[in-house]
Protein backbone atom coordinates (compact mmCIF):
# COMPACT_ATOMS: atom_id res chain seq x y z
CA MET A 1 25.01 -32.19 31.80
CA ARG A 2 26.07 -32.43 35.28
CA ARG A 3 26.15 -34.60 37.19
CA GLU A 4 25.53 -35.11 40.43
CA GLY A 5 29.19 -35.23 42.60
CA SER A 6 31.17 -34.88 39.48
CA ASP A 7 33.60 -32.03 39.55
CA GLU A 8 33.81 -31.14 36.12
CA PRO A 9 31.94 -28.51 34.28
CA PRO A 10 29.13 -29.28 31.98
CA ALA A 11 30.00 -29.76 28.24
CA ARG A 12 30.01 -26.85 25.87
CA SER A 13 27.69 -26.84 22.70
CA GLU A 14 27.52 -25.43 19.69
CA PRO A 15 26.83 -21.64 20.13
CA THR A 16 23.48 -20.17 19.82
CA SER A 17 22.16 -16.64 18.67
CA ALA A 18 19.00 -15.44 20.77
CA ALA A 19 17.03 -16.92 18.02
CA GLY A 20 17.64 -20.64 20.41
CA GLY A 21 18.64 -22.24 17.10
CA PRO A 22 22.34 -23.42 17.59
CA GLY A 23 24.64 -21.48 14.86
CA GLY A 24 22.54 -18.76 14.80
CA GLU A 25 19.15 -20.98 13.04
CA VAL A 26 15.86 -20.96 14.12
CA LEU A 27 14.77 -24.81 14.45
CA GLY A 28 12.06 -25.46 12.31
CA VAL A 29 12.42 -21.78 9.65
CA THR A 30 12.88 -21.49 6.65
CA PRO A 31 14.92 -19.32 4.29
CA GLU A 32 11.76 -19.51 3.18
CA ASP A 33 10.10 -18.38 6.52
CA ARG A 34 12.90 -15.43 6.63
CA GLN A 35 12.36 -14.14 3.75
CA HIS A 36 8.40 -13.88 4.17
CA LEU A 37 9.61 -11.81 7.35
CA ARG A 38 11.32 -9.61 5.04
CA GLU A 39 8.49 -8.92 3.03
CA LEU A 40 6.40 -8.27 5.74
CA GLN A 41 9.05 -5.59 7.70
CA LYS A 42 9.09 -4.17 4.04
CA GLU A 43 4.99 -4.11 3.68
CA ARG A 44 4.69 -2.60 8.03
CA ARG A 45 7.66 -0.28 5.99
CA SER A 46 5.44 1.41 3.72
CA ARG A 47 2.99 1.24 5.66
CA VAL A 48 3.97 3.66 8.19
CA VAL A 49 5.88 5.64 5.30
CA LYS A 50 1.95 6.00 3.69
CA ALA A 51 0.19 7.15 7.10
CA LEU A 52 2.49 10.08 8.03
CA VAL A 53 2.23 10.59 4.20
CA ALA A 54 -1.55 11.10 4.56
CA LEU A 55 -1.16 13.02 8.14
CA VAL A 56 1.46 15.95 5.99
CA LEU A 57 -1.43 16.16 4.13
CA ALA A 58 -4.31 16.52 5.77
CA VAL A 59 -2.89 19.03 8.48
CA LEU A 60 -1.74 20.85 4.87
CA LEU A 61 -5.11 20.50 3.57
CA ILE A 62 -6.76 22.34 7.09
CA ILE A 63 -4.14 24.52 6.80
CA PHE A 64 -5.28 25.54 3.73
CA ILE A 65 -9.29 25.77 4.03
CA ILE A 66 -8.57 27.86 7.10
CA ALA A 67 -6.51 30.61 4.77
CA ASN A 68 -9.50 30.43 2.43
CA SER A 69 -12.70 30.10 4.05
CA GLN A 70 -12.77 34.56 3.50
CA PRO A 71 -16.33 34.32 0.55
CA GLU A 72 -15.73 35.64 -3.24
CA THR A 73 -18.89 36.75 -5.40
CA VAL A 74 -18.55 33.48 -8.15
CA ASP A 75 -20.37 34.35 -11.37
CA PHE A 76 -22.15 31.19 -12.23
CA VAL A 77 -23.92 32.11 -15.63
CA PHE A 78 -27.66 32.88 -14.90
CA PHE A 79 -26.81 33.61 -11.37
CA GLU A 80 -24.25 35.14 -8.63
CA ARG A 81 -23.46 33.92 -5.07
CA GLU A 82 -20.74 34.68 -2.17
CA VAL A 83 -19.00 31.67 -1.94
CA GLY A 84 -15.92 30.80 -0.06
CA LEU A 85 -12.68 29.94 -1.75
CA ILE A 86 -12.48 26.49 -0.87
CA TRP A 87 -15.57 25.79 -2.41
CA ILE A 88 -14.68 26.97 -5.28
CA MET A 89 -11.64 25.37 -5.55
CA PHE A 90 -13.43 21.98 -4.26
CA GLY A 91 -15.63 22.18 -7.09
CA CYS A 92 -13.55 22.77 -9.37
CA ALA A 93 -11.18 19.58 -8.59
CA VAL A 94 -14.17 17.91 -8.29
CA LEU A 95 -15.39 18.72 -12.16
CA GLY A 96 -12.04 17.76 -13.57
CA GLY A 97 -11.46 14.88 -11.74
CA LEU A 98 -15.10 13.53 -13.05
CA VAL A 99 -14.16 15.25 -16.68
CA GLY A 100 -10.26 13.18 -16.77
CA PHE A 101 -12.12 10.14 -15.73
CA LEU A 102 -14.59 9.77 -18.21
CA ILE A 103 -12.45 11.24 -20.52
CA GLY A 104 -9.56 8.84 -19.47
CA ARG A 105 -11.83 5.83 -18.41
CA PRO A 106 -11.12 3.03 -20.80
CA GLY A 107 -13.96 1.41 -22.77
CA LYS A 108 -14.97 -1.40 -24.63
CA GLN A 109 -11.57 -1.30 -27.40
CA VAL A 110 -11.71 -3.12 -30.37
CA ARG A 111 -9.54 -6.04 -29.76
CA LEU A 112 -6.05 -6.32 -31.43
CA HIS A 113 -5.45 -9.39 -30.72
CA ARG A 114 -6.93 -12.18 -32.75
CA ARG A 115 -7.65 -15.47 -29.60
CA PRO A 116 -5.65 -18.09 -30.57
CA LYS A 117 -7.87 -20.94 -32.58
CA GLU A 118 -9.20 -23.96 -30.39
CA PRO A 119 -7.92 -27.68 -30.99
CA PRO A 120 -11.03 -29.21 -33.62
CA GLU A 121 -13.36 -31.41 -31.51
CA PRO A 122 -12.53 -35.34 -31.44
CA LYS A 123 -14.32 -36.31 -34.46
CA SER A 124 -17.29 -39.50 -32.31
CA ARG A 125 -16.99 -42.95 -34.11
C-alpha cells in the first residue's frame, strides 16, 4: 500500500496470474476442482464431435433419400406394388434390426456362479 505523501514506490507482491491468486493459483481451487474442470471440457468436446457427426449423417441421409426417391415394383409374395426405393431399404433395415435384437438380446440365462453363502444367523438363547 502507498501512504499519502510518501515518495517511495509501493511494495511488490507475489506475481499473480490472470486467475487472480499468487503463483498462478486461484484461491479456494483445489486440484480436484481442476481435474473436474478438465473432465467437463473433455465431455463438451465429445458432445461437439458427436453433434457434428450426427449433422453429417443427417445430411448424407437426406441426400440418400433424394437420390433414391424413384419408385420400383416390389413383389410382396401375395401382391405387387410400386414403392419408393427408400421405403424398401428402410423396411429391410427395420426388419433386420428387429431380428438382430430378438436373436442377440440377453435373456434369462442360467447363472454359472453360485451366490455367496450367507453367514448363519446367530442362535437366540
